[in-house]
Amino acid sequence: MILIIVCFLFVQSEGEVQALTRRIRLLEEDFEQTEQRLQSASEKLEEASKAADESERSVQMSIWFLSWRQKNGTAQLEFEASIMPRY
């Protein structure tokens, strides 16, 4: 009788170990997928950050150019007009 109980407990324990092993494997797979998604999101964020930096530099250069043109544009236009041939 004791032998039957021991065998039953052994089989039951073996099933629990297999279930836990499967759960660990599934968690590891989920972790790997999450790592891959994080890596992909990080790369996209880095690209977006670089694009935003370039856009900001472009806007700053445009503002600087427009400001410069506003200050110096009249004189430049007068100079250009004075050296252009008249027909």
Protein backbone atom coordinates (compact mmCIF):
# COMPACT_ATOMS: atom_id res chain seq x y z
CA MET A 1 0.00 0.00 0.00
CA ILE A 2 2.80 2.44 0.89
CA LEU A 3 4.54 1.60 -2.37
CA ILE A 4 1.41 2.56 -4.33
CA ILE A 5 1.18 5.89 -2.51
CA VAL A 6 4.88 6.60 -3.14
CA CYS A 7 4.46 5.76 -6.84
CA PHE A 8 1.40 8.00 -7.05
CA LEU A 9 3.24 10.90 -5.38
CA PHE A 10 6.20 10.36 -7.68
CA VAL A 11 4.02 10.47 -10.80
CA GLN A 12 2.18 13.51 -9.49
CA SER A 13 5.47 15.28 -8.70
CA GLU A 14 6.84 14.40 -12.11
CA GLY A 15 3.79 15.97 -13.75
CA GLU A 16 4.21 19.12 -11.67
CA VAL A 17 7.88 19.35 -12.63
CA GLN A 18 6.98 19.00 -16.32
CA ALA A 19 4.29 21.69 -15.99
CA LEU A 20 6.74 24.04 -14.26
CA THR A 21 9.41 23.31 -16.87
CA ARG A 22 6.95 24.14 -19.66
CA ARG A 23 5.93 27.35 -17.89
CA ILE A 24 9.59 28.37 -17.53
CA ARG A 25 10.16 27.71 -21.23
CA LEU A 26 7.12 29.83 -22.15
CA LEU A 27 8.28 32.66 -19.88
CA GLU A 28 11.74 32.55 -21.46
CA GLU A 29 10.20 32.76 -24.95
CA ASP A 30 8.02 35.67 -23.85
CA PHE A 31 11.07 37.39 -22.37
CA GLU A 32 13.01 36.96 -25.63
CA GLN A 33 10.11 38.42 -27.65
CA THR A 34 9.87 41.33 -25.24
CA GLU A 35 13.60 41.96 -25.57
CA GLN A 36 13.29 41.98 -29.36
CA ARG A 37 10.37 44.42 -29.25
CA LEU A 38 12.30 46.65 -26.84
CA GLN A 39 15.34 46.60 -29.13
CA SER A 40 13.19 47.46 -32.14
CA ALA A 41 11.43 50.28 -30.28
CA SER A 42 14.78 51.63 -29.07
CA GLU A 43 16.15 51.66 -32.62
CA LYS A 44 13.05 53.45 -33.92
CA LEU A 45 13.27 55.97 -31.09
CA GLU A 46 16.93 56.63 -31.90
CA GLU A 47 16.07 57.18 -35.57
CA ALA A 48 13.20 59.51 -34.65
CA SER A 49 15.47 61.42 -32.28
CA LYS A 50 18.07 61.92 -35.02
CA ALA A 51 15.39 63.04 -37.47
CA ALA A 52 14.01 65.49 -34.91
CA ASP A 53 17.50 66.88 -34.27
CA GLU A 54 18.07 67.36 -38.00
CA SER A 55 14.68 69.01 -38.37
CA GLU A 56 15.37 71.34 -35.45
CA ARG A 57 18.75 72.31 -36.93
CA SER A 58 17.08 72.98 -40.26
CA VAL A 59 14.45 75.18 -38.65
CA GLN A 60 17.11 77.07 -36.69
CA MET A 61 19.12 77.62 -39.88
CA SER A 62 16.01 78.85 -41.69
CA ILE A 63 15.21 81.26 -38.87
CA TRP A 64 18.80 82.48 -38.82
CA PHE A 65 18.82 82.93 -42.60
CA LEU A 66 15.51 84.79 -42.61
CA SER A 67 16.72 87.03 -39.80
CA TRP A 68 19.99 87.69 -41.62
CA ARG A 69 18.16 88.28 -44.88
CA GLN A 70 15.83 90.71 -43.15
CA LYS A 71 18.78 92.67 -41.75
CA ASN A 72 21.02 92.47 -44.82
CA GLY A 73 18.61 91.67 -47.60
CA THR A 74 17.79 95.23 -48.58
CA ALA A 75 21.43 96.12 -49.01
CA GLN A 76 22.05 92.91 -50.92
CA LEU A 77 19.10 93.48 -53.24
CA GLU A 78 20.26 97.06 -53.89
CA PHE A 79 23.76 95.78 -54.66
CA GLU A 80 22.42 93.09 -57.00
CA ALA A 81 20.21 95.62 -58.75
CA SER A 82 23.11 98.02 -59.21
CA ILE A 83 25.38 95.46 -60.88
CA MET A 84 22.77 93.87 -63.14
CA PRO A 85 22.84 95.08 -66.71
CA ARG A 86 19.83 97.13 -67.78
CA TYR A 87 18.12 96.25 -71.01
